[in-house]
Amino acid sequence: MANYRTLTTVEQWNEAFRASAEKPLLVFKHSTRCPISAGAYEEWGKWLEDSADLGIGHVLVRVIEERPVSNAIEEATGVKHASPQVILVKDGKAVWNTSHWNITYSSLDEQVRQHCGK
């Protein structure tokens, strides 16, 4: 799978969130116990492999293991928690999000390209 960073602390999240002012950030919130999340993770992984040239950051948050990070994301973005979930953050604001079966290769590709101009 392409490069992404797994966030394990709120401090790491805060740093990634601040950096979205310079470079858009795609957050994948993943439940390691959910089959729906496993399918979404596969879609995200396939998309990541083909989208390395978009110039955006990618982070993974395991929502069960890192609940405080997941909560901090909800608080900072204003996007109600779901799992699985993707949130596109640009300039410190959530510009798109979706969850569950809506996390597909095509939805990721369409929305990220639309919001990031690539």
PDB file of N, CA and C in Angstrom:
ATOM      1  N   MET A   1       0.856  -1.190   0.000  1.00  0.00           N
ATOM      2  CA  MET A   1       0.000   0.000   0.000  1.00  0.00           C
ATOM      3  C   MET A   1       0.890   1.236   0.000  1.00  0.00           C
ATOM      4  N   ALA A   2       0.391   2.272  -0.595  1.00  0.00           N
ATOM      5  CA  ALA A   2       1.133   3.535  -0.689  1.00  0.00           C
ATOM      6  C   ALA A   2       1.393   4.114   0.695  1.00  0.00           C
ATOM      7  N   ASN A   3       2.169   5.150   0.716  1.00  0.00           N
ATOM      8  CA  ASN A   3       2.537   5.780   1.986  1.00  0.00           C
ATOM      9  C   ASN A   3       1.357   6.428   2.687  1.00  0.00           C
ATOM     10  N   TYR A   4       1.220   6.096   3.942  1.00  0.00           N
ATOM     11  CA  TYR A   4       0.297   6.775   4.832  1.00  0.00           C
ATOM     12  C   TYR A   4       0.885   6.661   6.230  1.00  0.00           C
ATOM     13  N   ARG A   5       0.395   7.498   7.086  1.00  0.00           N
ATOM     14  CA  ARG A   5       0.880   7.528   8.461  1.00  0.00           C
ATOM     15  C   ARG A   5      -0.253   7.079   9.390  1.00  0.00           C
ATOM     16  N   THR A   6       0.052   6.216  10.341  1.00  0.00           N
ATOM     17  CA  THR A   6      -0.933   5.818  11.340  1.00  0.00           C
ATOM     18  C   THR A   6      -0.794   6.748  12.534  1.00  0.00           C
ATOM     19  N   LEU A   7      -1.883   7.418  12.869  1.00  0.00           N
ATOM     20  CA  LEU A   7      -1.865   8.344  14.001  1.00  0.00           C
ATOM     21  C   LEU A   7      -2.236   7.590  15.275  1.00  0.00           C
ATOM     22  N   THR A   8      -1.398   7.748  16.296  1.00  0.00           N
ATOM     23  CA  THR A   8      -1.649   7.066  17.564  1.00  0.00           C
ATOM     24  C   THR A   8      -1.819   8.030  18.730  1.00  0.00           C
ATOM     25  N   THR A   9      -1.536   9.317  18.498  1.00  0.00           N
ATOM     26  CA  THR A   9      -1.669  10.299  19.577  1.00  0.00           C
ATOM     27  C   THR A   9      -2.414  11.533  19.075  1.00  0.00           C
ATOM     28  N   VAL A  10      -3.022  12.224  20.009  1.00  0.00           N
ATOM     29  CA  VAL A  10      -3.707  13.475  19.677  1.00  0.00           C
ATOM     30  C   VAL A  10      -2.696  14.502  19.170  1.00  0.00           C
ATOM     31  N   GLU A  11      -1.497  14.485  19.702  1.00  0.00           N
ATOM     32  CA  GLU A  11      -0.455  15.420  19.242  1.00  0.00           C
ATOM     33  C   GLU A  11      -0.137  15.183  17.762  1.00  0.00           C
ATOM     34  N   GLN A  12      -0.064  13.929  17.345  1.00  0.00           N
ATOM     35  CA  GLN A  12       0.178  13.629  15.924  1.00  0.00           C
ATOM     36  C   GLN A  12      -0.978  14.154  15.071  1.00  0.00           C
ATOM     37  N   TRP A  13      -2.208  13.975  15.557  1.00  0.00           N
ATOM     38  CA  TRP A  13      -3.360  14.499  14.835  1.00  0.00           C
ATOM     39  C   TRP A  13      -3.284  16.012  14.713  1.00  0.00           C
ATOM     40  N   ASN A  14      -2.993  16.693  15.815  1.00  0.00           N
ATOM     41  CA  ASN A  14      -2.918  18.147  15.791  1.00  0.00           C
ATOM     42  C   ASN A  14      -1.886  18.625  14.777  1.00  0.00           C
ATOM     43  N   GLU A  15      -0.763  17.954  14.713  1.00  0.00           N
ATOM     44  CA  GLU A  15       0.288  18.296  13.747  1.00  0.00           C
ATOM     45  C   GLU A  15      -0.208  18.088  12.315  1.00  0.00           C
ATOM     46  N   ALA A  16      -0.846  16.960  12.056  1.00  0.00           N
ATOM     47  CA  ALA A  16      -1.364  16.664  10.715  1.00  0.00           C
ATOM     48  C   ALA A  16      -2.456  17.661  10.327  1.00  0.00           C
ATOM     49  N   PHE A  17      -3.311  18.007  11.278  1.00  0.00           N
ATOM     50  CA  PHE A  17      -4.389  18.953  11.024  1.00  0.00           C
ATOM     51  C   PHE A  17      -3.826  20.329  10.667  1.00  0.00           C
ATOM     52  N   ARG A  18      -2.830  20.779  11.427  1.00  0.00           N
ATOM     53  CA  ARG A  18      -2.189  22.074  11.121  1.00  0.00           C
ATOM     54  C   ARG A  18      -1.550  22.053   9.731  1.00  0.00           C
ATOM     55  N   ALA A  19      -0.941  20.931   9.379  1.00  0.00           N
ATOM     56  CA  ALA A  19      -0.259  20.817   8.081  1.00  0.00           C
ATOM     57  C   ALA A  19      -1.233  20.858   6.910  1.00  0.00           C
ATOM     58  N   SER A  20      -2.530  20.638   7.166  1.00  0.00           N
ATOM     59  CA  SER A  20      -3.511  20.673   6.075  1.00  0.00           C
ATOM     60  C   SER A  20      -3.644  22.074   5.479  1.00  0.00           C
ATOM     61  N   ALA A  21      -3.079  23.072   6.150  1.00  0.00           N
ATOM     62  CA  ALA A  21      -3.060  24.425   5.594  1.00  0.00           C
ATOM     63  C   ALA A  21      -2.109  24.503   4.405  1.00  0.00           C
ATOM     64  N   GLU A  22      -1.123  23.623   4.390  1.00  0.00           N
ATOM     65  CA  GLU A  22      -0.131  23.599   3.305  1.00  0.00           C
ATOM     66  C   GLU A  22      -0.416  22.505   2.283  1.00  0.00           C
ATOM     67  N   LYS A  23      -0.997  21.392   2.763  1.00  0.00           N
ATOM     68  CA  LYS A  23      -1.176  20.221   1.909  1.00  0.00           C
ATOM     69  C   LYS A  23      -2.451  19.501   2.374  1.00  0.00           C
ATOM     70  N   PRO A  24      -3.420  19.287   1.467  1.00  0.00           N
ATOM     71  CA  PRO A  24      -4.649  18.602   1.870  1.00  0.00           C
ATOM     72  C   PRO A  24      -4.344  17.251   2.534  1.00  0.00           C
ATOM     73  N   LEU A  25      -5.252  16.826   3.397  1.00  0.00           N
ATOM     74  CA  LEU A  25      -5.070  15.616   4.187  1.00  0.00           C
ATOM     75  C   LEU A  25      -6.304  14.739   4.071  1.00  0.00           C
ATOM     76  N   LEU A  26      -6.099  13.469   3.735  1.00  0.00           N
ATOM     77  CA  LEU A  26      -7.197  12.510   3.700  1.00  0.00           C
ATOM     78  C   LEU A  26      -7.060  11.593   4.916  1.00  0.00           C
ATOM     79  N   VAL A  27      -8.078  11.616   5.756  1.00  0.00           N
ATOM     80  CA  VAL A  27      -8.101  10.832   6.991  1.00  0.00           C
ATOM     81  C   VAL A  27      -8.982   9.611   6.770  1.00  0.00           C
ATOM     82  N   PHE A  28      -8.452   8.439   7.076  1.00  0.00           N
ATOM     83  CA  PHE A  28      -9.246   7.214   7.028  1.00  0.00           C
ATOM     84  C   PHE A  28      -9.409   6.702   8.451  1.00  0.00           C
ATOM     85  N   LYS A  29     -10.658   6.687   8.938  1.00  0.00           N
ATOM     86  CA  LYS A  29     -10.964   6.173  10.267  1.00  0.00           C
ATOM     87  C   LYS A  29     -11.429   4.723  10.097  1.00  0.00           C
ATOM     88  N   HIS A  30     -10.689   3.814  10.709  1.00  0.00           N
ATOM     89  CA  HIS A  30     -10.838   2.378  10.455  1.00  0.00           C
ATOM     90  C   HIS A  30     -11.125   1.613  11.735  1.00  0.00           C
ATOM     91  N   SER A  31     -12.120   0.756  11.678  1.00  0.00           N
ATOM     92  CA  SER A  31     -12.380  -0.167  12.779  1.00  0.00           C
ATOM     93  C   SER A  31     -11.764  -1.509  12.418  1.00  0.00           C
ATOM     94  N   THR A  32     -10.844  -1.973  13.235  1.00  0.00           N
ATOM     95  CA  THR A  32     -10.155  -3.239  12.969  1.00  0.00           C
ATOM     96  C   THR A  32     -11.035  -4.447  13.263  1.00  0.00           C
ATOM     97  N   ARG A  33     -12.243  -4.225  13.744  1.00  0.00           N
ATOM     98  CA  ARG A  33     -13.166  -5.324  14.084  1.00  0.00           C
ATOM     99  C   ARG A  33     -14.395  -5.393  13.183  1.00  0.00           C
ATOM    100  N   CYS A  34     -14.431  -4.578  12.162  1.00  0.00           N
ATOM    101  CA  CYS A  34     -15.649  -4.450  11.353  1.00  0.00           C
ATOM    102  C   CYS A  34     -15.405  -4.895   9.909  1.00  0.00           C
ATOM    103  N   PRO A  35     -16.205  -5.831   9.387  1.00  0.00           N
ATOM    104  CA  PRO A  35     -16.020  -6.270   7.998  1.00  0.00           C
ATOM    105  C   PRO A  35     -16.312  -5.170   6.972  1.00  0.00           C
ATOM    106  N   ILE A  36     -17.227  -4.265   7.284  1.00  0.00           N
ATOM    107  CA  ILE A  36     -17.490  -3.143   6.371  1.00  0.00           C
ATOM    108  C   ILE A  36     -16.241  -2.274   6.281  1.00  0.00           C
ATOM    109  N   SER A  37     -15.618  -2.031   7.415  1.00  0.00           N
ATOM    110  CA  SER A  37     -14.395  -1.236   7.452  1.00  0.00           C
ATOM    111  C   SER A  37     -13.269  -1.935   6.693  1.00  0.00           C
ATOM    112  N   ALA A  38     -13.200  -3.248   6.789  1.00  0.00           N
ATOM    113  CA  ALA A  38     -12.166  -3.996   6.058  1.00  0.00           C
ATOM    114  C   ALA A  38     -12.328  -3.803   4.552  1.00  0.00           C
ATOM    115  N   GLY A  39     -13.563  -3.827   4.073  1.00  0.00           N
ATOM    116  CA  GLY A  39     -13.812  -3.600   2.651  1.00  0.00           C
ATOM    117  C   GLY A  39     -13.456  -2.181   2.231  1.00  0.00           C
ATOM    118  N   ALA A  40     -13.811  -1.207   3.064  1.00  0.00           N
ATOM    119  CA  ALA A  40     -13.475   0.191   2.767  1.00  0.00           C
ATOM    120  C   ALA A  40     -11.962   0.391   2.775  1.00  0.00           C
ATOM    121  N   TYR A  41     -11.284  -0.279   3.698  1.00  0.00           N
ATOM    122  CA  TYR A  41      -9.817  -0.202   3.781  1.00  0.00           C
ATOM    123  C   TYR A  41      -9.183  -0.716   2.488  1.00  0.00           C
ATOM    124  N   GLU A  42      -9.723  -1.791   1.937  1.00  0.00           N
ATOM    125  CA  GLU A  42      -9.220  -2.317   0.659  1.00  0.00           C
ATOM    126  C   GLU A  42      -9.417  -1.305  -0.462  1.00  0.00           C
ATOM    127  N   GLU A  43     -10.590  -0.691  -0.527  1.00  0.00           N
ATOM    128  CA  GLU A  43     -10.856   0.322  -1.563  1.00  0.00           C
ATOM    129  C   GLU A  43      -9.880   1.488  -1.426  1.00  0.00           C
ATOM    130  N   TRP A  44      -9.696   1.958  -0.202  1.00  0.00           N
ATOM    131  CA  TRP A  44      -8.765   3.050   0.069  1.00  0.00           C
ATOM    132  C   TRP A  44      -7.355   2.659  -0.346  1.00  0.00           C
ATOM    133  N   GLY A  45      -6.952   1.451  -0.010  1.00  0.00           N
ATOM    134  CA  GLY A  45      -5.613   0.980  -0.357  1.00  0.00           C
ATOM    135  C   GLY A  45      -5.373   0.936  -1.860  1.00  0.00           C
ATOM    136  N   LYS A  46      -6.346   0.426  -2.599  1.00  0.00           N
ATOM    137  CA  LYS A  46      -6.229   0.383  -4.068  1.00  0.00           C
ATOM    138  C   LYS A  46      -6.129   1.798  -4.627  1.00  0.00           C
ATOM    139  N   TRP A  47      -6.976   2.691  -4.097  1.00  0.00           N
ATOM    140  CA  TRP A  47      -6.948   4.071  -4.565  1.00  0.00           C
ATOM    141  C   TRP A  47      -5.605   4.726  -4.243  1.00  0.00           C
ATOM    142  N   LEU A  48      -5.082   4.494  -3.031  1.00  0.00           N
ATOM    143  CA  LEU A  48      -3.784   5.062  -2.656  1.00  0.00           C
ATOM    144  C   LEU A  48      -2.681   4.643  -3.619  1.00  0.00           C
ATOM    145  N   GLU A  49      -2.683   3.383  -3.998  1.00  0.00           N
ATOM    146  CA  GLU A  49      -1.656   2.875  -4.919  1.00  0.00           C
ATOM    147  C   GLU A  49      -1.653   3.654  -6.239  1.00  0.00           C
ATOM    148  N   ASP A  50      -2.829   4.027  -6.704  1.00  0.00           N
ATOM    149  CA  ASP A  50      -2.948   4.701  -7.997  1.00  0.00           C
ATOM    150  C   ASP A  50      -2.902   6.224  -7.902  1.00  0.00           C
ATOM    151  N   SER A  51      -2.866   6.770  -6.699  1.00  0.00           N
ATOM    152  CA  SER A  51      -3.028   8.210  -6.531  1.00  0.00           C
ATOM    153  C   SER A  51      -1.863   8.888  -5.822  1.00  0.00           C
ATOM    154  N   ALA A  52      -0.709   8.290  -5.874  1.00  0.00           N
ATOM    155  CA  ALA A  52       0.455   8.834  -5.169  1.00  0.00           C
ATOM    156  C   ALA A  52       0.854  10.212  -5.692  1.00  0.00           C
ATOM    157  N   ASP A  53       0.473  10.530  -6.916  1.00  0.00           N
ATOM    158  CA  ASP A  53       0.895  11.783  -7.545  1.00  0.00           C
ATOM    159  C   ASP A  53       0.005  12.982  -7.200  1.00  0.00           C
ATOM    160  N   LEU A  54      -0.991  12.803  -6.358  1.00  0.00           N
ATOM    161  CA  LEU A  54      -1.928  13.899  -6.082  1.00  0.00           C
ATOM    162  C   LEU A  54      -1.396  14.930  -5.098  1.00  0.00           C
ATOM    163  N   GLY A  55      -0.325  14.615  -4.410  1.00  0.00           N
ATOM    164  CA  GLY A  55       0.286  15.597  -3.517  1.00  0.00           C
ATOM    165  C   GLY A  55      -0.527  15.898  -2.273  1.00  0.00           C
ATOM    166  N   ILE A  56      -1.208  14.889  -1.737  1.00  0.00           N
ATOM    167  CA  ILE A  56      -1.946  15.076  -0.494  1.00  0.00           C
ATOM    168  C   ILE A  56      -1.397  14.124   0.560  1.00  0.00           C
ATOM    169  N   GLY A  57      -1.650  14.448   1.823  1.00  0.00           N
ATOM    170  CA  GLY A  57      -1.244  13.573   2.906  1.00  0.00           C
ATOM    171  C   GLY A  57      -2.319  12.541   3.200  1.00  0.00           C
ATOM    172  N   HIS A  58      -1.897  11.405   3.746  1.00  0.00           N
ATOM    173  CA  HIS A  58      -2.817  10.320   4.065  1.00  0.00           C
ATOM    174  C   HIS A  58      -2.527   9.831   5.471  1.00  0.00           C
ATOM    175  N   VAL A  59      -3.581   9.735   6.284  1.00  0.00           N
ATOM    176  CA  VAL A  59      -3.410   9.197   7.633  1.00  0.00           C
ATOM    177  C   VAL A  59      -4.498   8.167   7.915  1.00  0.00           C
ATOM    178  N   LEU A  60      -4.131   7.221   8.754  1.00  0.00           N
ATOM    179  CA  LEU A  60      -5.031   6.171   9.212  1.00  0.00           C
ATOM    180  C   LEU A  60      -5.195   6.304  10.716  1.00  0.00           C
ATOM    181  N   VAL A  61      -6.433   6.190  11.182  1.00  0.00           N
ATOM    182  CA  VAL A  61      -6.711   6.172  12.610  1.00  0.00           C
ATOM    183  C   VAL A  61      -7.519   4.916  12.900  1.00  0.00           C
ATOM    184  N   ARG A  62      -6.993   4.075  13.768  1.00  0.00           N
ATOM    185  CA  ARG A  62      -7.725   2.883  14.209  1.00  0.00           C
ATOM    186  C   ARG A  62      -8.616   3.329  15.364  1.00  0.00           C
ATOM    187  N   VAL A  63      -9.921   3.386  15.104  1.00  0.00           N
ATOM    188  CA  VAL A  63     -10.836   4.051  16.027  1.00  0.00           C
ATOM    189  C   VAL A  63     -11.001   3.338  17.363  1.00  0.00           C
ATOM    190  N   ILE A  64     -10.844   2.047  17.401  1.00  0.00           N
ATOM    191  CA  ILE A  64     -10.966   1.322  18.671  1.00  0.00           C
ATOM    192  C   ILE A  64      -9.705   1.521  19.503  1.00  0.00           C
ATOM    193  N   GLU A  65      -8.561   1.356  18.862  1.00  0.00           N
ATOM    194  CA  GLU A  65      -7.286   1.448  19.557  1.00  0.00           C
ATOM    195  C   GLU A  65      -6.911   2.880  19.930  1.00  0.00           C
ATOM    196  N   GLU A  66      -7.298   3.832  19.103  1.00  0.00           N
ATOM    197  CA  GLU A  66      -6.939   5.236  19.332  1.00  0.00           C
ATOM    198  C   GLU A  66      -8.182   6.112  19.444  1.00  0.00           C
ATOM    199  N   ARG A  67      -9.072   5.758  20.352  1.00  0.00           N
ATOM    200  CA  ARG A  67     -10.315   6.502  20.537  1.00  0.00           C
ATOM    201  C   ARG A  67     -10.090   7.994  20.801  1.00  0.00           C
ATOM    202  N   PRO A  68      -9.097   8.398  21.631  1.00  0.00           N
ATOM    203  CA  PRO A  68      -8.889   9.838  21.847  1.00  0.00           C
ATOM    204  C   PRO A  68      -8.547  10.590  20.549  1.00  0.00           C
ATOM    205  N   VAL A  69      -7.820   9.946  19.651  1.00  0.00           N
ATOM    206  CA  VAL A  69      -7.487  10.578  18.364  1.00  0.00           C
ATOM    207  C   VAL A  69      -8.757  10.730  17.530  1.00  0.00           C
ATOM    208  N   SER A  70      -9.553   9.685  17.484  1.00  0.00           N
ATOM    209  CA  SER A  70     -10.811   9.737  16.748  1.00  0.00           C
ATOM    210  C   SER A  70     -11.708  10.849  17.280  1.00  0.00           C
ATOM    211  N   ASN A  71     -11.787  10.964  18.590  1.00  0.00           N
ATOM    212  CA  ASN A  71     -12.594  12.032  19.196  1.00  0.00           C
ATOM    213  C   ASN A  71     -12.051  13.417  18.854  1.00  0.00           C
ATOM    214  N   ALA A  72     -10.736  13.557  18.845  1.00  0.00           N
ATOM    215  CA  ALA A  72     -10.114  14.847  18.512  1.00  0.00           C
ATOM    216  C   ALA A  72     -10.400  15.235  17.063  1.00  0.00           C
ATOM    217  N   ILE A  73     -10.454  14.259  16.183  1.00  0.00           N
ATOM    218  CA  ILE A  73     -10.767  14.526  14.774  1.00  0.00           C
ATOM    219  C   ILE A  73     -12.194  15.052  14.654  1.00  0.00           C
ATOM    220  N   GLU A  74     -13.121  14.402  15.350  1.00  0.00           N
ATOM    221  CA  GLU A  74     -14.512  14.867  15.324  1.00  0.00           C
ATOM    222  C   GLU A  74     -14.609  16.296  15.843  1.00  0.00           C
ATOM    223  N   GLU A  75     -13.923  16.567  16.916  1.00  0.00           N
ATOM    224  CA  GLU A  75     -13.968  17.910  17.511  1.00  0.00           C
ATOM    225  C   GLU A  75     -13.364  18.961  16.584  1.00  0.00           C
ATOM    226  N   ALA A  76     -12.225  18.651  15.971  1.00  0.00           N
ATOM    227  CA  ALA A  76     -11.532  19.628  15.124  1.00  0.00           C
ATOM    228  C   ALA A  76     -12.244  19.877  13.800  1.00  0.00           C
ATOM    229  N   THR A  77     -12.851  18.826  13.244  1.00  0.00           N
ATOM    230  CA  THR A  77     -13.458  18.964  11.916  1.00  0.00           C
ATOM    231  C   THR A  77     -14.951  19.254  11.956  1.00  0.00           C
ATOM    232  N   GLY A  78     -15.585  18.923  13.083  1.00  0.00           N
ATOM    233  CA  GLY A  78     -17.036  19.075  13.158  1.00  0.00           C
ATOM    234  C   GLY A  78     -17.791  17.973  12.441  1.00  0.00           C
ATOM    235  N   VAL A  79     -17.080  16.929  12.009  1.00  0.00           N
ATOM    236  CA  VAL A  79     -17.703  15.811  11.299  1.00  0.00           C
ATOM    237  C   VAL A  79     -18.030  14.717  12.319  1.00  0.00           C
ATOM    238  N   LYS A  80     -19.315  14.420  12.446  1.00  0.00           N
ATOM    239  CA  LYS A  80     -19.761  13.399  13.400  1.00  0.00           C
ATOM    240  C   LYS A  80     -19.083  12.064  13.092  1.00  0.00           C
ATOM    241  N   HIS A  81     -18.603  11.417  14.139  1.00  0.00           N
ATOM    242  CA  HIS A  81     -17.875  10.157  14.001  1.00  0.00           C
ATOM    243  C   HIS A  81     -18.707   9.071  13.334  1.00  0.00           C
ATOM    244  N   ALA A  82     -18.065   8.347  12.448  1.00  0.00           N
ATOM    245  CA  ALA A  82     -18.591   7.114  11.868  1.00  0.00           C
ATOM    246  C   ALA A  82     -17.388   6.212  11.635  1.00  0.00           C
ATOM    247  N   SER A  83     -17.654   4.957  11.392  1.00  0.00           N
ATOM    248  CA  SER A  83     -16.555   4.035  11.122  1.00  0.00           C
ATOM    249  C   SER A  83     -17.090   2.895  10.273  1.00  0.00           C
ATOM    250  N   PRO A  84     -16.456   2.682   9.126  1.00  0.00           N
ATOM    251  CA  PRO A  84     -15.330   3.421   8.571  1.00  0.00           C
ATOM    252  C   PRO A  84     -15.770   4.784   8.052  1.00  0.00           C
ATOM    253  N   GLN A  85     -14.786   5.644   7.923  1.00  0.00           N
ATOM    254  CA  GLN A  85     -15.073   7.018   7.484  1.00  0.00           C
ATOM    255  C   GLN A  85     -13.831   7.609   6.841  1.00  0.00           C
ATOM    256  N   VAL A  86     -14.036   8.424   5.821  1.00  0.00           N
ATOM    257  CA  VAL A  86     -12.950   9.231   5.278  1.00  0.00           C
ATOM    258  C   VAL A  86     -13.351  10.693   5.370  1.00  0.00           C
ATOM    259  N   ILE A  87     -12.363  11.511   5.677  1.00  0.00           N
ATOM    260  CA  ILE A  87     -12.570  12.955   5.780  1.00  0.00           C
ATOM    261  C   ILE A  87     -11.430  13.622   5.022  1.00  0.00           C
ATOM    262  N   LEU A  88     -11.775  14.493   4.097  1.00  0.00           N
ATOM    263  CA  LEU A  88     -10.776  15.272   3.379  1.00  0.00           C
ATOM    264  C   LEU A  88     -10.693  16.637   4.038  1.00  0.00           C
ATOM    265  N   VAL A  89      -9.501  16.971   4.528  1.00  0.00           N
ATOM    266  CA  VAL A  89      -9.274  18.235   5.229  1.00  0.00           C
ATOM    267  C   VAL A  89      -8.363  19.104   4.374  1.00  0.00           C
ATOM    268  N   LYS A  90      -8.806  20.320   4.127  1.00  0.00           N
ATOM    269  CA  LYS A  90      -8.039  21.264   3.328  1.00  0.00           C
ATOM    270  C   LYS A  90      -8.096  22.614   4.020  1.00  0.00           C
ATOM    271  N   ASP A  91      -6.943  23.215   4.217  1.00  0.00           N
ATOM    272  CA  ASP A  91      -6.871  24.520   4.890  1.00  0.00           C
ATOM    273  C   ASP A  91      -7.553  24.495   6.259  1.00  0.00           C
ATOM    274  N   GLY A  92      -7.405  23.386   6.981  1.00  0.00           N
ATOM    275  CA  GLY A  92      -7.959  23.286   8.320  1.00  0.00           C
ATOM    276  C   GLY A  92      -9.457  23.092   8.391  1.00  0.00           C
ATOM    277  N   LYS A  93     -10.089  22.731   7.260  1.00  0.00           N
ATOM    278  CA  LYS A  93     -11.535  22.529   7.234  1.00  0.00           C
ATOM    279  C   LYS A  93     -11.863  21.226   6.529  1.00  0.00           C
ATOM    280  N   ALA A  94     -12.861  20.524   7.033  1.00  0.00           N
ATOM    281  CA  ALA A  94     -13.350  19.323   6.351  1.00  0.00           C
ATOM    282  C   ALA A  94     -14.129  19.774   5.122  1.00  0.00           C
ATOM    283  N   VAL A  95     -13.668  19.372   3.937  1.00  0.00           N
ATOM    284  CA  VAL A  95     -14.343  19.777   2.706  1.00  0.00           C
ATOM    285  C   VAL A  95     -15.176  18.649   2.107  1.00  0.00           C
ATOM    286  N   TRP A  96     -14.963  17.430   2.596  1.00  0.00           N
ATOM    287  CA  TRP A  96     -15.747  16.282   2.128  1.00  0.00           C
ATOM    288  C   TRP A  96     -15.566  15.144   3.115  1.00  0.00           C
ATOM    289  N   ASN A  97     -16.613  14.374   3.289  1.00  0.00           N
ATOM    290  CA  ASN A  97     -16.509  13.146   4.080  1.00  0.00           C
ATOM    291  C   ASN A  97     -17.577  12.172   3.638  1.00  0.00           C
ATOM    292  N   THR A  98     -17.312  10.916   3.891  1.00  0.00           N
ATOM    293  CA  THR A  98     -18.285   9.869   3.639  1.00  0.00           C
ATOM    294  C   THR A  98     -17.949   8.690   4.534  1.00  0.00           C
ATOM    295  N   SER A  99     -18.845   7.715   4.559  1.00  0.00           N
ATOM    296  CA  SER A  99     -18.612   6.574   5.437  1.00  0.00           C
ATOM    297  C   SER A  99     -19.205   5.292   4.852  1.00  0.00           C
ATOM    298  N   HIS A 100     -18.894   4.228   5.508  1.00  0.00           N
ATOM    299  CA  HIS A 100     -19.409   2.891   5.246  1.00  0.00           C
ATOM    300  C   HIS A 100     -19.255   2.486   3.776  1.00  0.00           C
ATOM    301  N   TRP A 101     -20.336   2.019   3.161  1.00  0.00           N
ATOM    302  CA  TRP A 101     -20.258   1.487   1.793  1.00  0.00           C
ATOM    303  C   TRP A 101     -20.004   2.570   0.756  1.00  0.00           C
ATOM    304  N   ASN A 102     -20.085   3.828   1.139  1.00  0.00           N
ATOM    305  CA  ASN A 102     -19.808   4.918   0.193  1.00  0.00           C
ATOM    306  C   ASN A 102     -18.317   5.159  -0.001  1.00  0.00           C
ATOM    307  N   ILE A 103     -17.488   4.472   0.761  1.00  0.00           N
ATOM    308  CA  ILE A 103     -16.037   4.597   0.586  1.00  0.00           C
ATOM    309  C   ILE A 103     -15.627   3.619  -0.511  1.00  0.00           C
ATOM    310  N   THR A 104     -15.525   4.148  -1.718  1.00  0.00           N
ATOM    311  CA  THR A 104     -15.153   3.340  -2.872  1.00  0.00           C
ATOM    312  C   THR A 104     -14.000   4.010  -3.608  1.00  0.00           C
ATOM    313  N   TYR A 105     -13.346   3.237  -4.422  1.00  0.00           N
ATOM    314  CA  TYR A 105     -12.261   3.776  -5.243  1.00  0.00           C
ATOM    315  C   TYR A 105     -12.762   4.983  -6.020  1.00  0.00           C
ATOM    316  N   SER A 106     -13.910   4.837  -6.677  1.00  0.00           N
ATOM    317  CA  SER A 106     -14.401   5.919  -7.536  1.00  0.00           C
ATOM    318  C   SER A 106     -14.818   7.150  -6.733  1.00  0.00           C
ATOM    319  N   SER A 107     -15.435   6.963  -5.561  1.00  0.00           N
ATOM    320  CA  SER A 107     -15.827   8.137  -4.779  1.00  0.00           C
ATOM    321  C   SER A 107     -14.596   8.877  -4.262  1.00  0.00           C
ATOM    322  N   LEU A 108     -13.592   8.139  -3.817  1.00  0.00           N
ATOM    323  CA  LEU A 108     -12.348   8.771  -3.369  1.00  0.00           C
ATOM    324  C   LEU A 108     -11.710   9.554  -4.504  1.00  0.00           C
ATOM    325  N   ASP A 109     -11.596   8.909  -5.650  1.00  0.00           N
ATOM    326  CA  ASP A 109     -10.933   9.545  -6.785  1.00  0.00           C
ATOM    327  C   ASP A 109     -11.681  10.804  -7.230  1.00  0.00           C
ATOM    328  N   GLU A 110     -12.968  10.696  -7.370  1.00  0.00           N
ATOM    329  CA  GLU A 110     -13.775  11.830  -7.824  1.00  0.00           C
ATOM    330  C   GLU A 110     -13.701  13.004  -6.847  1.00  0.00           C
ATOM    331  N   GLN A 111     -13.919  12.740  -5.585  1.00  0.00           N
ATOM    332  CA  GLN A 111     -13.990  13.820  -4.605  1.00  0.00           C
ATOM    333  C   GLN A 111     -12.634  14.468  -4.332  1.00  0.00           C
ATOM    334  N   VAL A 112     -11.594  13.666  -4.210  1.00  0.00           N
ATOM    335  CA  VAL A 112     -10.277  14.247  -3.947  1.00  0.00           C
ATOM    336  C   VAL A 112      -9.842  15.087  -5.141  1.00  0.00           C
ATOM    337  N   ARG A 113     -10.029  14.593  -6.326  1.00  0.00           N
ATOM    338  CA  ARG A 113      -9.666  15.369  -7.520  1.00  0.00           C
ATOM    339  C   ARG A 113     -10.490  16.655  -7.611  1.00  0.00           C
ATOM    340  N   GLN A 114     -11.767  16.566  -7.287  1.00  0.00           N
ATOM    341  CA  GLN A 114     -12.628  17.750  -7.331  1.00  0.00           C
ATOM    342  C   GLN A 114     -12.171  18.806  -6.320  1.00  0.00           C
ATOM    343  N   HIS A 115     -11.884  18.378  -5.122  1.00  0.00           N
ATOM    344  CA  HIS A 115     -11.548  19.335  -4.067  1.00  0.00           C
ATOM    345  C   HIS A 115     -10.084  19.773  -4.060  1.00  0.00           C
ATOM    346  N   CYS A 116      -9.244  18.974  -4.688  1.00  0.00           N
ATOM    347  CA  CYS A 116      -7.807  19.311  -4.676  1.00  0.00           C
ATOM    348  C   CYS A 116      -7.309  19.756  -6.036  1.00  0.00           C
ATOM    349  N   GLY A 117      -8.213  19.831  -7.020  1.00  0.00           N
ATOM    350  CA  GLY A 117      -7.874  20.387  -8.318  1.00  0.00           C
ATOM    351  C   GLY A 117      -6.854  19.602  -9.117  1.00  0.00           C
ATOM    352  N   LYS A 118      -6.860  18.286  -8.968  1.00  0.00           N
ATOM    353  CA  LYS A 118      -5.905  17.472  -9.736  1.00  0.00           C
ATOM    354  C   LYS A 118      -6.632  16.434 -10.534  1.00  0.00           C
TER     355      LYS A 118
END
